Amino acid sequence: METRGRFNKDETHLDNIETHCTNINATLKSLEVNISQLANSIKGQQFGKFPTDIETNPKDYCKAITLRSGKQMETPKPKEIIDKEKEVVQEPAK
């Protein structure tokens, strides 16, 4: 009787293991399908470009900056460009 109980317990345990293996195989098959779909979609993309068309910005530059808090920043003032040319001293010709 005791051996019969152990046999049934072992058989149940093996059935559980078999069920888990079946589930793992199904998951692996699903992963293989997903990876192959990703590989095919990557092959269709052009290298160095975004996958979708990008809408160009109708404005040339940003005029206002608003933070998440709602505070608006002042427009940055352009930096003054000062050209400091080297002063060339010419000696009078002799």
PDB file of N, CA and C in Angstrom:
ATOM      1  N   MET A   1       0.823  -1.194   0.000  1.00  0.00           N
ATOM      2  CA  MET A   1       0.000   0.000   0.000  1.00  0.00           C
ATOM      3  C   MET A   1       0.868   1.260   0.000  1.00  0.00           C
ATOM      4  N   GLU A   2       1.893   1.209   0.797  1.00  0.00           N
ATOM      5  CA  GLU A   2       2.760   2.377   0.897  1.00  0.00           C
ATOM      6  C   GLU A   2       3.457   2.645  -0.434  1.00  0.00           C
ATOM      7  N   THR A   3       3.866   1.569  -1.096  1.00  0.00           N
ATOM      8  CA  THR A   3       4.534   1.749  -2.385  1.00  0.00           C
ATOM      9  C   THR A   3       3.553   2.268  -3.430  1.00  0.00           C
ATOM     10  N   ARG A   4       2.322   1.868  -3.331  1.00  0.00           N
ATOM     11  CA  ARG A   4       1.288   2.345  -4.273  1.00  0.00           C
ATOM     12  C   ARG A   4       1.078   3.855  -4.100  1.00  0.00           C
ATOM     13  N   GLY A   5       1.071   4.319  -2.869  1.00  0.00           N
ATOM     14  CA  GLY A   5       0.904   5.743  -2.580  1.00  0.00           C
ATOM     15  C   GLY A   5       2.081   6.552  -3.107  1.00  0.00           C
ATOM     16  N   ARG A   6       3.283   6.021  -2.904  1.00  0.00           N
ATOM     17  CA  ARG A   6       4.469   6.701  -3.425  1.00  0.00           C
ATOM     18  C   ARG A   6       4.446   6.740  -4.949  1.00  0.00           C
ATOM     19  N   PHE A   7       4.021   5.622  -5.542  1.00  0.00           N
ATOM     20  CA  PHE A   7       3.951   5.559  -6.999  1.00  0.00           C
ATOM     21  C   PHE A   7       2.980   6.610  -7.536  1.00  0.00           C
ATOM     22  N   ASN A   8       1.823   6.730  -6.919  1.00  0.00           N
ATOM     23  CA  ASN A   8       0.832   7.728  -7.355  1.00  0.00           C
ATOM     24  C   ASN A   8       1.365   9.152  -7.162  1.00  0.00           C
ATOM     25  N   LYS A   9       2.056   9.369  -6.044  1.00  0.00           N
ATOM     26  CA  LYS A   9       2.626  10.684  -5.763  1.00  0.00           C
ATOM     27  C   LYS A   9       3.695  11.030  -6.800  1.00  0.00           C
ATOM     28  N   ASP A  10       4.556  10.061  -7.124  1.00  0.00           N
ATOM     29  CA  ASP A  10       5.596  10.283  -8.125  1.00  0.00           C
ATOM     30  C   ASP A  10       4.991  10.516  -9.509  1.00  0.00           C
ATOM     31  N   GLU A  11       3.949   9.783  -9.811  1.00  0.00           N
ATOM     32  CA  GLU A  11       3.294   9.937 -11.106  1.00  0.00           C
ATOM     33  C   GLU A  11       2.652  11.328 -11.232  1.00  0.00           C
ATOM     34  N   THR A  12       2.050  11.806 -10.155  1.00  0.00           N
ATOM     35  CA  THR A  12       1.469  13.155 -10.147  1.00  0.00           C
ATOM     36  C   THR A  12       2.563  14.200 -10.323  1.00  0.00           C
ATOM     37  N   HIS A  13       3.669  13.984  -9.639  1.00  0.00           N
ATOM     38  CA  HIS A  13       4.799  14.910  -9.745  1.00  0.00           C
ATOM     39  C   HIS A  13       5.337  14.944 -11.180  1.00  0.00           C
ATOM     40  N   LEU A  14       5.461  13.800 -11.805  1.00  0.00           N
ATOM     41  CA  LEU A  14       5.928  13.731 -13.191  1.00  0.00           C
ATOM     42  C   LEU A  14       4.939  14.400 -14.145  1.00  0.00           C
ATOM     43  N   ASP A  15       3.652  14.243 -13.879  1.00  0.00           N
ATOM     44  CA  ASP A  15       2.643  14.915 -14.704  1.00  0.00           C
ATOM     45  C   ASP A  15       2.775  16.436 -14.596  1.00  0.00           C
ATOM     46  N   ASN A  16       3.035  16.929 -13.379  1.00  0.00           N
ATOM     47  CA  ASN A  16       3.231  18.369 -13.186  1.00  0.00           C
ATOM     48  C   ASN A  16       4.465  18.859 -13.940  1.00  0.00           C
ATOM     49  N   ILE A  17       5.534  18.086 -13.876  1.00  0.00           N
ATOM     50  CA  ILE A  17       6.760  18.448 -14.591  1.00  0.00           C
ATOM     51  C   ILE A  17       6.502  18.473 -16.096  1.00  0.00           C
ATOM     52  N   GLU A  18       5.772  17.494 -16.584  1.00  0.00           N
ATOM     53  CA  GLU A  18       5.454  17.437 -18.010  1.00  0.00           C
ATOM     54  C   GLU A  18       4.604  18.643 -18.436  1.00  0.00           C
ATOM     55  N   THR A  19       3.676  19.047 -17.590  1.00  0.00           N
ATOM     56  CA  THR A  19       2.847  20.218 -17.884  1.00  0.00           C
ATOM     57  C   THR A  19       3.699  21.477 -17.941  1.00  0.00           C
ATOM     58  N   HIS A  20       4.620  21.617 -16.987  1.00  0.00           N
ATOM     59  CA  HIS A  20       5.509  22.774 -16.981  1.00  0.00           C
ATOM     60  C   HIS A  20       6.399  22.793 -18.222  1.00  0.00           C
ATOM     61  N   CYS A  21       6.904  21.642 -18.617  1.00  0.00           N
ATOM     62  CA  CYS A  21       7.735  21.564 -19.827  1.00  0.00           C
ATOM     63  C   CYS A  21       6.935  21.962 -21.064  1.00  0.00           C
ATOM     64  N   THR A  22       5.693  21.532 -21.133  1.00  0.00           N
ATOM     65  CA  THR A  22       4.832  21.898 -22.255  1.00  0.00           C
ATOM     66  C   THR A  22       4.612  23.405 -22.288  1.00  0.00           C
ATOM     67  N   ASN A  23       4.377  24.002 -21.111  1.00  0.00           N
ATOM     68  CA  ASN A  23       4.185  25.455 -21.039  1.00  0.00           C
ATOM     69  C   ASN A  23       5.453  26.207 -21.447  1.00  0.00           C
ATOM     70  N   ILE A  24       6.591  25.711 -21.012  1.00  0.00           N
ATOM     71  CA  ILE A  24       7.865  26.347 -21.369  1.00  0.00           C
ATOM     72  C   ILE A  24       8.099  26.254 -22.873  1.00  0.00           C
ATOM     73  N   ASN A  25       7.800  25.109 -23.462  1.00  0.00           N
ATOM     74  CA  ASN A  25       7.964  24.950 -24.912  1.00  0.00           C
ATOM     75  C   ASN A  25       7.057  25.910 -25.678  1.00  0.00           C
ATOM     76  N   ALA A  26       5.831  26.087 -25.212  1.00  0.00           N
ATOM     77  CA  ALA A  26       4.905  27.015 -25.870  1.00  0.00           C
ATOM     78  C   ALA A  26       5.416  28.449 -25.753  1.00  0.00           C
ATOM     79  N   THR A  27       5.959  28.797 -24.590  1.00  0.00           N
ATOM     80  CA  THR A  27       6.502  30.142 -24.392  1.00  0.00           C
ATOM     81  C   THR A  27       7.705  30.374 -25.298  1.00  0.00           C
ATOM     82  N   LEU A  28       8.583  29.395 -25.400  1.00  0.00           N
ATOM     83  CA  LEU A  28       9.749  29.512 -26.277  1.00  0.00           C
ATOM     84  C   LEU A  28       9.330  29.667 -27.740  1.00  0.00           C
ATOM     85  N   LYS A  29       8.331  28.934 -28.143  1.00  0.00           N
ATOM     86  CA  LYS A  29       7.838  29.028 -29.518  1.00  0.00           C
ATOM     87  C   LYS A  29       7.295  30.432 -29.778  1.00  0.00           C
ATOM     88  N   SER A  30       6.568  30.973 -28.804  1.00  0.00           N
ATOM     89  CA  SER A  30       6.034  32.331 -28.931  1.00  0.00           C
ATOM     90  C   SER A  30       7.167  33.352 -29.024  1.00  0.00           C
ATOM     91  N   LEU A  31       8.206  33.183 -28.218  1.00  0.00           N
ATOM     92  CA  LEU A  31       9.362  34.080 -28.270  1.00  0.00           C
ATOM     93  C   LEU A  31      10.069  34.000 -29.622  1.00  0.00           C
ATOM     94  N   GLU A  32      10.192  32.801 -30.165  1.00  0.00           N
ATOM     95  CA  GLU A  32      10.818  32.641 -31.475  1.00  0.00           C
ATOM     96  C   GLU A  32      10.036  33.394 -32.549  1.00  0.00           C
ATOM     97  N   VAL A  33       8.717  33.302 -32.478  1.00  0.00           N
ATOM     98  CA  VAL A  33       7.876  33.999 -33.455  1.00  0.00           C
ATOM     99  C   VAL A  33       8.047  35.510 -33.306  1.00  0.00           C
ATOM    100  N   ASN A  34       8.037  36.002 -32.065  1.00  0.00           N
ATOM    101  CA  ASN A  34       8.187  37.442 -31.830  1.00  0.00           C
ATOM    102  C   ASN A  34       9.545  37.951 -32.299  1.00  0.00           C
ATOM    103  N   ILE A  35      10.599  37.198 -32.031  1.00  0.00           N
ATOM    104  CA  ILE A  35      11.943  37.612 -32.446  1.00  0.00           C
ATOM    105  C   ILE A  35      12.050  37.626 -33.968  1.00  0.00           C
ATOM    106  N   SER A  36      11.465  36.653 -34.629  1.00  0.00           N
ATOM    107  CA  SER A  36      11.529  36.643 -36.095  1.00  0.00           C
ATOM    108  C   SER A  36      10.731  37.805 -36.679  1.00  0.00           C
ATOM    109  N   GLN A  37       9.607  38.161 -36.054  1.00  0.00           N
ATOM    110  CA  GLN A  37       8.842  39.321 -36.521  1.00  0.00           C
ATOM    111  C   GLN A  37       9.643  40.606 -36.334  1.00  0.00           C
ATOM    112  N   LEU A  38      10.326  40.737 -35.202  1.00  0.00           N
ATOM    113  CA  LEU A  38      11.165  41.915 -34.966  1.00  0.00           C
ATOM    114  C   LEU A  38      12.305  41.986 -35.979  1.00  0.00           C
ATOM    115  N   ALA A  39      12.921  40.851 -36.243  1.00  0.00           N
ATOM    116  CA  ALA A  39      14.025  40.822 -37.208  1.00  0.00           C
ATOM    117  C   ALA A  39      13.538  41.238 -38.592  1.00  0.00           C
ATOM    118  N   ASN A  40      12.366  40.774 -38.982  1.00  0.00           N
ATOM    119  CA  ASN A  40      11.820  41.147 -40.290  1.00  0.00           C
ATOM    120  C   ASN A  40      11.479  42.633 -40.347  1.00  0.00           C
ATOM    121  N   SER A  41      10.964  43.188 -39.267  1.00  0.00           N
ATOM    122  CA  SER A  41      10.628  44.616 -39.275  1.00  0.00           C
ATOM    123  C   SER A  41      11.890  45.473 -39.289  1.00  0.00           C
ATOM    124  N   ILE A  42      12.945  45.012 -38.643  1.00  0.00           N
ATOM    125  CA  ILE A  42      14.205  45.757 -38.650  1.00  0.00           C
ATOM    126  C   ILE A  42      14.837  45.721 -40.040  1.00  0.00           C
ATOM    127  N   LYS A  43      14.715  44.604 -40.734  1.00  0.00           N
ATOM    128  CA  LYS A  43      15.271  44.505 -42.087  1.00  0.00           C
ATOM    129  C   LYS A  43      14.605  45.508 -43.023  1.00  0.00           C
ATOM    130  N   GLY A  44      13.324  45.793 -42.799  1.00  0.00           N
ATOM    131  CA  GLY A  44      12.586  46.703 -43.666  1.00  0.00           C
ATOM    132  C   GLY A  44      12.914  48.160 -43.439  1.00  0.00           C
ATOM    133  N   GLN A  45      13.551  48.493 -42.337  1.00  0.00           N
ATOM    134  CA  GLN A  45      13.860  49.889 -42.033  1.00  0.00           C
ATOM    135  C   GLN A  45      15.147  50.309 -42.730  1.00  0.00           C
ATOM    136  N   GLN A  46      15.213  51.589 -43.056  1.00  0.00           N
ATOM    137  CA  GLN A  46      16.430  52.122 -43.643  1.00  0.00           C
ATOM    138  C   GLN A  46      17.385  52.477 -42.520  1.00  0.00           C
ATOM    139  N   PHE A  47      18.648  52.219 -42.753  1.00  0.00           N
ATOM    140  CA  PHE A  47      19.654  52.491 -41.735  1.00  0.00           C
ATOM    141  C   PHE A  47      19.839  53.988 -41.565  1.00  0.00           C
ATOM    142  N   GLY A  48      19.834  54.449 -40.330  1.00  0.00           N
ATOM    143  CA  GLY A  48      20.081  55.852 -40.041  1.00  0.00           C
ATOM    144  C   GLY A  48      18.856  56.738 -40.124  1.00  0.00           C
ATOM    145  N   LYS A  49      17.690  56.161 -40.334  1.00  0.00           N
ATOM    146  CA  LYS A  49      16.464  56.954 -40.422  1.00  0.00           C
ATOM    147  C   LYS A  49      15.473  56.448 -39.385  1.00  0.00           C
ATOM    148  N   PHE A  50      14.574  57.326 -38.991  1.00  0.00           N
ATOM    149  CA  PHE A  50      13.536  56.931 -38.054  1.00  0.00           C
ATOM    150  C   PHE A  50      12.520  56.034 -38.756  1.00  0.00           C
ATOM    151  N   PRO A  51      11.848  55.145 -38.008  1.00  0.00           N
ATOM    152  CA  PRO A  51      10.938  54.198 -38.641  1.00  0.00           C
ATOM    153  C   PRO A  51       9.672  54.832 -39.219  1.00  0.00           C
ATOM    154  N   THR A  52       9.317  56.048 -38.816  1.00  0.00           N
ATOM    155  CA  THR A  52       8.116  56.684 -39.344  1.00  0.00           C
ATOM    156  C   THR A  52       8.484  58.026 -39.953  1.00  0.00           C
ATOM    157  N   ASP A  53       7.577  58.559 -40.730  1.00  0.00           N
ATOM    158  CA  ASP A  53       7.788  59.891 -41.291  1.00  0.00           C
ATOM    159  C   ASP A  53       7.636  60.909 -40.179  1.00  0.00           C
ATOM    160  N   ILE A  54       8.508  61.877 -40.177  1.00  0.00           N
ATOM    161  CA  ILE A  54       8.488  62.900 -39.143  1.00  0.00           C
ATOM    162  C   ILE A  54       7.899  64.168 -39.738  1.00  0.00           C
ATOM    163  N   GLU A  55       6.982  64.772 -39.009  1.00  0.00           N
ATOM    164  CA  GLU A  55       6.386  66.022 -39.457  1.00  0.00           C
ATOM    165  C   GLU A  55       7.367  67.147 -39.167  1.00  0.00           C
ATOM    166  N   THR A  56       7.659  67.921 -40.185  1.00  0.00           N
ATOM    167  CA  THR A  56       8.600  69.013 -39.984  1.00  0.00           C
ATOM    168  C   THR A  56       7.950  70.109 -39.160  1.00  0.00           C
ATOM    169  N   ASN A  57       8.755  70.781 -38.376  1.00  0.00           N
ATOM    170  CA  ASN A  57       8.276  71.851 -37.520  1.00  0.00           C
ATOM    171  C   ASN A  57       7.961  73.070 -38.384  1.00  0.00           C
ATOM    172  N   PRO A  58       6.736  73.600 -38.301  1.00  0.00           N
ATOM    173  CA  PRO A  58       6.401  74.749 -39.135  1.00  0.00           C
ATOM    174  C   PRO A  58       7.110  76.024 -38.691  1.00  0.00           C
ATOM    175  N   LYS A  59       7.596  76.064 -37.475  1.00  0.00           N
ATOM    176  CA  LYS A  59       8.294  77.242 -36.969  1.00  0.00           C
ATOM    177  C   LYS A  59       9.792  77.053 -37.175  1.00  0.00           C
ATOM    178  N   ASP A  60      10.458  78.158 -37.435  1.00  0.00           N
ATOM    179  CA  ASP A  60      11.894  78.086 -37.648  1.00  0.00           C
ATOM    180  C   ASP A  60      12.655  77.920 -36.345  1.00  0.00           C
ATOM    181  N   TYR A  61      12.171  78.534 -35.300  1.00  0.00           N
ATOM    182  CA  TYR A  61      12.879  78.476 -34.029  1.00  0.00           C
ATOM    183  C   TYR A  61      11.876  78.611 -32.890  1.00  0.00           C
ATOM    184  N   CYS A  62      12.315  78.303 -31.736  1.00  0.00           N
ATOM    185  CA  CYS A  62      11.465  78.350 -30.551  1.00  0.00           C
ATOM    186  C   CYS A  62      11.384  79.786 -30.042  1.00  0.00           C
ATOM    187  N   LYS A  63      10.174  80.240 -29.766  1.00  0.00           N
ATOM    188  CA  LYS A  63      10.002  81.603 -29.282  1.00  0.00           C
ATOM    189  C   LYS A  63       9.740  81.652 -27.784  1.00  0.00           C
ATOM    190  N   ALA A  64       9.264  80.573 -27.210  1.00  0.00           N
ATOM    191  CA  ALA A  64       8.945  80.581 -25.783  1.00  0.00           C
ATOM    192  C   ALA A  64       9.312  79.243 -25.180  1.00  0.00           C
ATOM    193  N   ILE A  65       9.709  79.289 -23.935  1.00  0.00           N
ATOM    194  CA  ILE A  65      10.037  78.071 -23.203  1.00  0.00           C
ATOM    195  C   ILE A  65       9.165  78.045 -21.960  1.00  0.00           C
ATOM    196  N   THR A  66       8.387  76.971 -21.802  1.00  0.00           N
ATOM    197  CA  THR A  66       7.535  76.828 -20.629  1.00  0.00           C
ATOM    198  C   THR A  66       7.978  75.592 -19.870  1.00  0.00           C
ATOM    199  N   LEU A  67       8.235  75.747 -18.581  1.00  0.00           N
ATOM    200  CA  LEU A  67       8.646  74.629 -17.744  1.00  0.00           C
ATOM    201  C   LEU A  67       7.429  73.822 -17.319  1.00  0.00           C
ATOM    202  N   ARG A  68       7.656  72.653 -16.770  1.00  0.00           N
ATOM    203  CA  ARG A  68       6.550  71.828 -16.294  1.00  0.00           C
ATOM    204  C   ARG A  68       5.745  72.520 -15.210  1.00  0.00           C
ATOM    205  N   SER A  69       6.396  73.353 -14.442  1.00  0.00           N
ATOM    206  CA  SER A  69       5.704  74.057 -13.365  1.00  0.00           C
ATOM    207  C   SER A  69       4.810  75.167 -13.909  1.00  0.00           C
ATOM    208  N   GLY A  70       4.931  75.502 -15.183  1.00  0.00           N
ATOM    209  CA  GLY A  70       4.127  76.549 -15.785  1.00  0.00           C
ATOM    210  C   GLY A  70       4.875  77.859 -15.912  1.00  0.00           C
ATOM    211  N   LYS A  71       6.029  77.933 -15.302  1.00  0.00           N
ATOM    212  CA  LYS A  71       6.829  79.157 -15.360  1.00  0.00           C
ATOM    213  C   LYS A  71       7.400  79.316 -16.768  1.00  0.00           C
ATOM    214  N   GLN A  72       7.290  80.539 -17.286  1.00  0.00           N
ATOM    215  CA  GLN A  72       7.821  80.793 -18.616  1.00  0.00           C
ATOM    216  C   GLN A  72       9.177  81.468 -18.497  1.00  0.00           C
ATOM    217  N   MET A  73      10.083  81.010 -19.305  1.00  0.00           N
ATOM    218  CA  MET A  73      11.433  81.555 -19.296  1.00  0.00           C
ATOM    219  C   MET A  73      11.513  82.704 -20.298  1.00  0.00           C
ATOM    220  N   GLU A  74      12.412  83.624 -20.019  1.00  0.00           N
ATOM    221  CA  GLU A  74      12.630  84.725 -20.948  1.00  0.00           C
ATOM    222  C   GLU A  74      13.363  84.214 -22.178  1.00  0.00           C
ATOM    223  N   THR A  75      13.120  84.889 -23.271  1.00  0.00           N
ATOM    224  CA  THR A  75      13.805  84.527 -24.500  1.00  0.00           C
ATOM    225  C   THR A  75      15.281  84.857 -24.342  1.00  0.00           C
ATOM    226  N   PRO A  76      16.142  83.910 -24.642  1.00  0.00           N
ATOM    227  CA  PRO A  76      17.569  84.194 -24.485  1.00  0.00           C
ATOM    228  C   PRO A  76      18.008  85.293 -25.449  1.00  0.00           C
ATOM    229  N   LYS A  77      18.820  86.164 -24.938  1.00  0.00           N
ATOM    230  CA  LYS A  77      19.316  87.269 -25.753  1.00  0.00           C
ATOM    231  C   LYS A  77      20.522  86.777 -26.549  1.00  0.00           C
ATOM    232  N   PRO A  78      20.597  87.201 -27.804  1.00  0.00           N
ATOM    233  CA  PRO A  78      21.735  86.748 -28.612  1.00  0.00           C
ATOM    234  C   PRO A  78      23.039  87.304 -28.059  1.00  0.00           C
ATOM    235  N   LYS A  79      24.041  86.494 -28.114  1.00  0.00           N
ATOM    236  CA  LYS A  79      25.356  86.911 -27.630  1.00  0.00           C
ATOM    237  C   LYS A  79      25.969  87.898 -28.615  1.00  0.00           C
ATOM    238  N   GLU A  80      26.619  88.885 -28.062  1.00  0.00           N
ATOM    239  CA  GLU A  80      27.285  89.857 -28.918  1.00  0.00           C
ATOM    240  C   GLU A  80      28.575  89.242 -29.443  1.00  0.00           C
ATOM    241  N   ILE A  81      28.741  89.373 -30.712  1.00  0.00           N
ATOM    242  CA  ILE A  81      29.949  88.841 -31.333  1.00  0.00           C
ATOM    243  C   ILE A  81      30.899  90.010 -31.556  1.00  0.00           C
ATOM    244  N   ILE A  82      31.992  89.955 -30.892  1.00  0.00           N
ATOM    245  CA  ILE A  82      32.978  91.022 -31.009  1.00  0.00           C
ATOM    246  C   ILE A  82      34.186  90.456 -31.734  1.00  0.00           C
ATOM    247  N   ASP A  83      34.444  91.022 -32.893  1.00  0.00           N
ATOM    248  CA  ASP A  83      35.609  90.590 -33.658  1.00  0.00           C
ATOM    249  C   ASP A  83      36.781  91.473 -33.266  1.00  0.00           C
ATOM    250  N   LYS A  84      37.711  90.874 -32.652  1.00  0.00           N
ATOM    251  CA  LYS A  84      38.918  91.615 -32.289  1.00  0.00           C
ATOM    252  C   LYS A  84      39.976  91.277 -33.331  1.00  0.00           C
ATOM    253  N   GLU A  85      40.061  92.172 -34.264  1.00  0.00           N
ATOM    254  CA  GLU A  85      41.049  91.950 -35.307  1.00  0.00           C
ATOM    255  C   GLU A  85      42.408  92.375 -34.787  1.00  0.00           C
ATOM    256  N   LYS A  86      43.368  91.643 -35.168  1.00  0.00           N
ATOM    257  CA  LYS A  86      44.729  91.987 -34.766  1.00  0.00           C
ATOM    258  C   LYS A  86      45.170  93.223 -35.533  1.00  0.00           C
ATOM    259  N   GLU A  87      45.697  94.136 -34.798  1.00  0.00           N
ATOM    260  CA  GLU A  87      46.151  95.376 -35.412  1.00  0.00           C
ATOM    261  C   GLU A  87      47.516  95.114 -36.034  1.00  0.00           C
ATOM    262  N   VAL A  88      47.587  95.373 -37.307  1.00  0.00           N
ATOM    263  CA  VAL A  88      48.830  95.140 -38.022  1.00  0.00           C
ATOM    264  C   VAL A  88      49.528  96.487 -38.190  1.00  0.00           C
ATOM    265  N   VAL A  89      50.719  96.571 -37.701  1.00  0.00           N
ATOM    266  CA  VAL A  89      51.500  97.804 -37.815  1.00  0.00           C
ATOM    267  C   VAL A  89      52.471  97.623 -38.970  1.00  0.00           C
ATOM    268  N   GLN A  90      52.329  98.498 -39.933  1.00  0.00           N
ATOM    269  CA  GLN A  90      53.230  98.430 -41.079  1.00  0.00           C
ATOM    270  C   GLN A  90      54.300  99.499 -40.921  1.00  0.00           C
ATOM    271  N   GLU A  91      55.496  99.093 -41.159  1.00  0.00           N
ATOM    272  CA  GLU A  91      56.591 100.060 -41.112  1.00  0.00           C
ATOM    273  C   GLU A  91      56.642 100.787 -42.447  1.00  0.00           C
ATOM    274  N   PRO A  92      56.924 102.071 -42.383  1.00  0.00           N
ATOM    275  CA  PRO A  92      57.003 102.815 -43.648  1.00  0.00           C
ATOM    276  C   PRO A  92      58.130 102.266 -44.521  1.00  0.00           C
ATOM    277  N   ALA A  93      57.868 102.272 -45.796  1.00  0.00           N
ATOM    278  CA  ALA A  93      58.858 101.774 -46.756  1.00  0.00           C
ATOM    279  C   ALA A  93      60.027 102.732 -46.845  1.00  0.00           C
ATOM    280  N   LYS A  94      61.229 102.248 -46.941  1.00  0.00           N
ATOM    281  CA  LYS A  94      62.434 103.080 -46.990  1.00  0.00           C
ATOM    282  C   LYS A  94      62.825 103.388 -48.386  1.00  0.00           C
TER     283      LYS A  94
END
